[in-house]
Amino acid sequence: MVLGEAMKAGLPIVTTQLGPVNEIVCEGENALVVEPRDPHALAAAIRVLATDSTMRESFQRRSRELAGSLSSWEQTCDVIADQIALLLQSSHDMKQSTKMTPTQLL
């Protein structure tokens, strides 16, 4: 969600390749993506955006454009709540199907 919020604010992004980063940002369009635990690569990427105003402005513009396709906090919460409800229902159904009545034990 942090990357999405940054994009909605029109920020150029420097991030590491962890989790679903590639599903959120577009490397080279609105973000520079570096390997995790590589402080030199991270510093270099920050330096590039800090000194290249053309790239920074292009990334800012593209972030705003791409942000429109991202889910809102409310939509994300709804999806998570739906998934939790499905898991709870599935768990309840499994418990009900494994209960045996005294006549079934005979």
N, C-alpha and C. Protein backbone atom coordinates (compact mmCIF):
# COMPACT_ATOMS: atom_id res chain seq x y z
N MET A 1 0.82 -1.19 0.00
CA MET A 1 0.00 0.00 0.00
C MET A 1 0.86 1.26 0.00
N VAL A 2 2.06 1.18 0.57
CA VAL A 2 2.94 2.35 0.62
C VAL A 2 3.30 2.81 -0.79
N LEU A 3 3.62 1.85 -1.65
CA LEU A 3 3.97 2.22 -3.02
C LEU A 3 2.78 2.85 -3.73
N GLY A 4 1.60 2.30 -3.53
CA GLY A 4 0.40 2.86 -4.13
C GLY A 4 0.12 4.28 -3.66
N GLU A 5 0.31 4.51 -2.38
CA GLU A 5 0.11 5.86 -1.84
C GLU A 5 1.13 6.82 -2.43
N ALA A 6 2.37 6.37 -2.58
CA ALA A 6 3.41 7.21 -3.19
C ALA A 6 3.04 7.54 -4.63
N MET A 7 2.54 6.56 -5.35
CA MET A 7 2.15 6.78 -6.74
C MET A 7 0.99 7.77 -6.83
N LYS A 8 0.00 7.62 -5.96
CA LYS A 8 -1.15 8.54 -5.97
C LYS A 8 -0.71 9.97 -5.68
N ALA A 9 0.37 10.11 -4.89
CA ALA A 9 0.91 11.44 -4.58
C ALA A 9 1.80 11.94 -5.72
N GLY A 10 2.00 11.11 -6.74
CA GLY A 10 2.82 11.52 -7.88
C GLY A 10 4.31 11.52 -7.58
N LEU A 11 4.74 10.60 -6.76
CA LEU A 11 6.15 10.54 -6.41
C LEU A 11 6.91 9.57 -7.30
N PRO A 12 8.14 9.91 -7.67
CA PRO A 12 8.99 8.92 -8.31
C PRO A 12 9.42 7.94 -7.22
N ILE A 13 9.66 6.70 -7.58
CA ILE A 13 9.88 5.67 -6.56
C ILE A 13 11.24 5.01 -6.74
N VAL A 14 11.90 4.78 -5.61
CA VAL A 14 13.07 3.92 -5.54
C VAL A 14 12.71 2.85 -4.54
N THR A 15 12.79 1.60 -4.96
CA THR A 15 12.39 0.50 -4.07
C THR A 15 13.28 -0.70 -4.31
N THR A 16 13.18 -1.65 -3.41
CA THR A 16 13.91 -2.91 -3.59
C THR A 16 12.95 -3.97 -4.11
N GLN A 17 13.52 -4.99 -4.71
CA GLN A 17 12.75 -6.08 -5.29
C GLN A 17 12.32 -7.05 -4.20
N LEU A 18 11.26 -6.69 -3.48
CA LEU A 18 10.70 -7.56 -2.45
C LEU A 18 9.20 -7.61 -2.61
N GLY A 19 8.60 -8.73 -2.31
CA GLY A 19 7.15 -8.86 -2.38
C GLY A 19 6.63 -8.59 -3.78
N PRO A 20 5.44 -8.01 -3.86
CA PRO A 20 4.79 -7.82 -5.16
C PRO A 20 5.16 -6.51 -5.85
N VAL A 21 6.38 -6.05 -5.68
CA VAL A 21 6.81 -4.76 -6.24
C VAL A 21 6.51 -4.68 -7.74
N ASN A 22 6.84 -5.71 -8.50
CA ASN A 22 6.64 -5.67 -9.95
C ASN A 22 5.17 -5.65 -10.36
N GLU A 23 4.28 -6.01 -9.44
CA GLU A 23 2.85 -5.93 -9.72
C GLU A 23 2.30 -4.53 -9.47
N ILE A 24 3.11 -3.68 -8.83
CA ILE A 24 2.64 -2.36 -8.45
C ILE A 24 3.30 -1.26 -9.28
N VAL A 25 4.62 -1.30 -9.37
CA VAL A 25 5.36 -0.27 -10.09
C VAL A 25 5.84 -0.81 -11.43
N CYS A 26 6.20 0.10 -12.30
CA CYS A 26 6.77 -0.28 -13.60
C CYS A 26 8.21 0.23 -13.64
N GLU A 27 9.12 -0.70 -13.50
CA GLU A 27 10.54 -0.33 -13.48
C GLU A 27 10.92 0.43 -14.75
N GLY A 28 11.58 1.54 -14.56
CA GLY A 28 11.99 2.37 -15.67
C GLY A 28 10.94 3.34 -16.16
N GLU A 29 9.70 3.19 -15.67
CA GLU A 29 8.61 4.10 -16.04
C GLU A 29 8.24 5.04 -14.90
N ASN A 30 8.15 4.48 -13.70
CA ASN A 30 7.85 5.31 -12.54
C ASN A 30 8.68 4.92 -11.32
N ALA A 31 9.59 3.97 -11.52
CA ALA A 31 10.38 3.49 -10.39
C ALA A 31 11.73 2.95 -10.83
N LEU A 32 12.67 3.08 -9.92
CA LEU A 32 13.94 2.38 -10.05
C LEU A 32 13.91 1.28 -9.00
N VAL A 33 14.16 0.04 -9.43
CA VAL A 33 14.07 -1.12 -8.54
C VAL A 33 15.47 -1.71 -8.42
N VAL A 34 15.92 -1.87 -7.17
CA VAL A 34 17.25 -2.42 -6.91
C VAL A 34 17.13 -3.70 -6.09
N GLU A 35 18.19 -4.45 -6.07
CA GLU A 35 18.21 -5.69 -5.29
C GLU A 35 18.18 -5.37 -3.79
N PRO A 36 17.51 -6.22 -3.02
CA PRO A 36 17.50 -6.01 -1.57
C PRO A 36 18.91 -6.13 -0.99
N ARG A 37 19.14 -5.46 0.11
CA ARG A 37 20.40 -5.52 0.85
C ARG A 37 21.60 -5.08 0.02
N ASP A 38 21.36 -4.14 -0.89
CA ASP A 38 22.45 -3.57 -1.69
C ASP A 38 22.44 -2.06 -1.51
N PRO A 39 23.06 -1.59 -0.42
CA PRO A 39 23.00 -0.16 -0.13
C PRO A 39 23.64 0.71 -1.21
N HIS A 40 24.65 0.18 -1.91
CA HIS A 40 25.29 0.96 -2.97
C HIS A 40 24.34 1.17 -4.15
N ALA A 41 23.61 0.13 -4.52
CA ALA A 41 22.64 0.25 -5.61
C ALA A 41 21.51 1.19 -5.21
N LEU A 42 21.07 1.10 -3.97
CA LEU A 42 20.01 1.98 -3.48
C LEU A 42 20.47 3.44 -3.51
N ALA A 43 21.67 3.69 -3.03
CA ALA A 43 22.21 5.05 -3.04
C ALA A 43 22.36 5.57 -4.47
N ALA A 44 22.81 4.72 -5.37
CA ALA A 44 22.98 5.13 -6.77
C ALA A 44 21.64 5.48 -7.40
N ALA A 45 20.61 4.69 -7.11
CA ALA A 45 19.28 4.96 -7.67
C ALA A 45 18.73 6.27 -7.13
N ILE A 46 18.90 6.50 -5.85
CA ILE A 46 18.44 7.76 -5.26
C ILE A 46 19.18 8.93 -5.89
N ARG A 47 20.48 8.75 -6.07
CA ARG A 47 21.30 9.81 -6.69
C ARG A 47 20.82 10.12 -8.11
N VAL A 48 20.49 9.10 -8.87
CA VAL A 48 20.00 9.30 -10.24
C VAL A 48 18.74 10.15 -10.23
N LEU A 49 17.78 9.78 -9.41
CA LEU A 49 16.52 10.56 -9.37
C LEU A 49 16.73 11.96 -8.81
N ALA A 50 17.66 12.10 -7.88
CA ALA A 50 17.91 13.42 -7.29
C ALA A 50 18.56 14.37 -8.29
N THR A 51 19.33 13.83 -9.23
CA THR A 51 20.08 14.68 -10.15
C THR A 51 19.48 14.77 -11.55
N ASP A 52 18.57 13.86 -11.90
CA ASP A 52 18.00 13.84 -13.25
C ASP A 52 16.56 14.35 -13.19
N SER A 53 16.39 15.65 -13.37
CA SER A 53 15.05 16.24 -13.24
C SER A 53 14.09 15.74 -14.32
N THR A 54 14.61 15.45 -15.51
CA THR A 54 13.75 14.94 -16.59
C THR A 54 13.18 13.58 -16.21
N MET A 55 14.03 12.69 -15.71
CA MET A 55 13.57 11.36 -15.29
C MET A 55 12.61 11.49 -14.12
N ARG A 56 12.95 12.33 -13.17
CA ARG A 56 12.11 12.51 -11.99
C ARG A 56 10.72 13.00 -12.38
N GLU A 57 10.65 13.98 -13.26
CA GLU A 57 9.35 14.50 -13.69
C GLU A 57 8.56 13.47 -14.50
N SER A 58 9.26 12.71 -15.32
CA SER A 58 8.61 11.64 -16.09
C SER A 58 8.05 10.57 -15.15
N PHE A 59 8.84 10.17 -14.16
CA PHE A 59 8.40 9.17 -13.19
C PHE A 59 7.21 9.69 -12.38
N GLN A 60 7.24 10.97 -12.02
CA GLN A 60 6.13 11.55 -11.26
C GLN A 60 4.84 11.49 -12.08
N ARG A 61 4.93 11.88 -13.32
CA ARG A 61 3.77 11.88 -14.21
C ARG A 61 3.23 10.45 -14.38
N ARG A 62 4.15 9.52 -14.61
CA ARG A 62 3.74 8.12 -14.83
C ARG A 62 3.16 7.50 -13.56
N SER A 63 3.70 7.87 -12.40
CA SER A 63 3.14 7.36 -11.14
C SER A 63 1.68 7.76 -11.00
N ARG A 64 1.38 9.02 -11.29
CA ARG A 64 -0.01 9.48 -11.20
C ARG A 64 -0.91 8.70 -12.16
N GLU A 65 -0.41 8.47 -13.39
CA GLU A 65 -1.19 7.72 -14.37
C GLU A 65 -1.46 6.30 -13.90
N LEU A 66 -0.42 5.62 -13.44
CA LEU A 66 -0.55 4.22 -13.01
C LEU A 66 -1.38 4.07 -11.74
N ALA A 67 -1.37 5.09 -10.90
CA ALA A 67 -2.11 5.02 -9.63
C ALA A 67 -3.59 4.81 -9.85
N GLY A 68 -4.11 5.27 -10.97
CA GLY A 68 -5.53 5.12 -11.25
C GLY A 68 -5.98 3.67 -11.36
N SER A 69 -5.06 2.77 -11.67
CA SER A 69 -5.42 1.36 -11.82
C SER A 69 -5.29 0.58 -10.51
N LEU A 70 -4.82 1.23 -9.46
CA LEU A 70 -4.63 0.54 -8.19
C LEU A 70 -5.90 0.58 -7.35
N SER A 71 -6.06 -0.42 -6.51
CA SER A 71 -7.20 -0.48 -5.59
C SER A 71 -7.04 0.57 -4.50
N SER A 72 -8.17 1.05 -4.03
CA SER A 72 -8.16 1.98 -2.90
C SER A 72 -8.02 1.17 -1.61
N TRP A 73 -7.79 1.89 -0.51
CA TRP A 73 -7.74 1.22 0.79
C TRP A 73 -9.06 0.50 1.05
N GLU A 74 -10.17 1.16 0.75
CA GLU A 74 -11.49 0.56 1.00
C GLU A 74 -11.67 -0.72 0.18
N GLN A 75 -11.29 -0.69 -1.09
CA GLN A 75 -11.41 -1.88 -1.94
C GLN A 75 -10.52 -3.00 -1.43
N THR A 76 -9.31 -2.66 -1.02
CA THR A 76 -8.39 -3.68 -0.50
C THR A 76 -8.95 -4.30 0.78
N CYS A 77 -9.47 -3.47 1.67
CA CYS A 77 -10.07 -3.98 2.91
C CYS A 77 -11.25 -4.89 2.62
N ASP A 78 -12.07 -4.52 1.64
CA ASP A 78 -13.22 -5.35 1.27
C ASP A 78 -12.77 -6.72 0.77
N VAL A 79 -11.73 -6.75 -0.05
CA VAL A 79 -11.21 -8.02 -0.58
C VAL A 79 -10.68 -8.88 0.57
N ILE A 80 -9.93 -8.28 1.46
CA ILE A 80 -9.38 -9.03 2.59
C ILE A 80 -10.50 -9.55 3.48
N ALA A 81 -11.49 -8.72 3.77
CA ALA A 81 -12.62 -9.15 4.60
C ALA A 81 -13.37 -10.30 3.94
N ASP A 82 -13.57 -10.22 2.63
CA ASP A 82 -14.24 -11.31 1.91
C ASP A 82 -13.45 -12.60 2.01
N GLN A 83 -12.14 -12.52 1.87
CA GLN A 83 -11.29 -13.71 1.95
C GLN A 83 -11.32 -14.31 3.35
N ILE A 84 -11.30 -13.46 4.37
CA ILE A 84 -11.39 -13.96 5.74
C ILE A 84 -12.73 -14.65 5.97
N ALA A 85 -13.81 -14.06 5.48
CA ALA A 85 -15.13 -14.66 5.63
C ALA A 85 -15.18 -16.03 4.95
N LEU A 86 -14.59 -16.13 3.75
CA LEU A 86 -14.56 -17.42 3.06
C LEU A 86 -13.77 -18.46 3.85
N LEU A 87 -12.65 -18.06 4.40
CA LEU A 87 -11.84 -18.98 5.20
C LEU A 87 -12.60 -19.44 6.45
N LEU A 88 -13.26 -18.51 7.10
CA LEU A 88 -14.03 -18.88 8.29
C LEU A 88 -15.18 -19.82 7.94
N GLN A 89 -15.86 -19.53 6.84
CA GLN A 89 -16.96 -20.40 6.41
C GLN A 89 -16.44 -21.79 6.05
N SER A 90 -15.34 -21.83 5.36
CA SER A 90 -14.73 -23.10 4.98
C SER A 90 -14.33 -23.90 6.21
N SER A 91 -13.74 -23.23 7.18
CA SER A 91 -13.34 -23.88 8.43
C SER A 91 -14.57 -24.41 9.17
N HIS A 92 -15.61 -23.62 9.22
CA HIS A 92 -16.86 -24.04 9.87
C HIS A 92 -17.46 -25.25 9.15
N ASP A 93 -17.49 -25.20 7.82
CA ASP A 93 -18.04 -26.31 7.04
C ASP A 93 -17.24 -27.59 7.27
N MET A 94 -15.91 -27.46 7.35
CA MET A 94 -15.07 -28.64 7.58
C MET A 94 -15.35 -29.24 8.96
N LYS A 95 -15.52 -28.40 9.96
CA LYS A 95 -15.81 -28.89 11.31
C LYS A 95 -17.15 -29.60 11.34
N GLN A 96 -18.14 -29.04 10.64
CA GLN A 96 -19.47 -29.64 10.60
C GLN A 96 -19.45 -30.98 9.89
N SER A 97 -18.66 -31.09 8.83
CA SER A 97 -18.65 -32.34 8.06
C SER A 97 -17.87 -33.44 8.77
N THR A 98 -17.00 -33.09 9.72
CA THR A 98 -16.23 -34.12 10.41
C THR A 98 -16.88 -34.55 11.71
N LYS A 99 -17.93 -33.86 12.14
CA LYS A 99 -18.65 -34.28 13.34
C LYS A 99 -19.52 -35.48 13.01
N MET A 100 -19.44 -36.50 13.85
CA MET A 100 -20.24 -37.68 13.61
C MET A 100 -21.29 -37.80 14.73
N THR A 101 -22.46 -38.15 14.34
CA THR A 101 -23.52 -38.38 15.33
C THR A 101 -23.35 -39.77 15.90
N PRO A 102 -23.95 -40.05 17.04
CA PRO A 102 -23.84 -41.40 17.65
C PRO A 102 -24.30 -42.50 16.70
N THR A 103 -25.32 -42.25 15.90
CA THR A 103 -25.79 -43.30 14.97
C THR A 103 -24.78 -43.53 13.85
N GLN A 104 -24.02 -42.51 13.48
CA GLN A 104 -23.01 -42.71 12.43
C GLN A 104 -21.84 -43.54 12.94
N LEU A 105 -21.61 -43.51 14.27
CA LEU A 105 -20.52 -44.28 14.84
C LEU A 105 -20.83 -45.76 14.88
N LEU A 106 -22.12 -46.16 14.81
CA LEU A 106 -22.51 -47.56 14.87
C LEU A 106 -22.34 -48.27 13.61
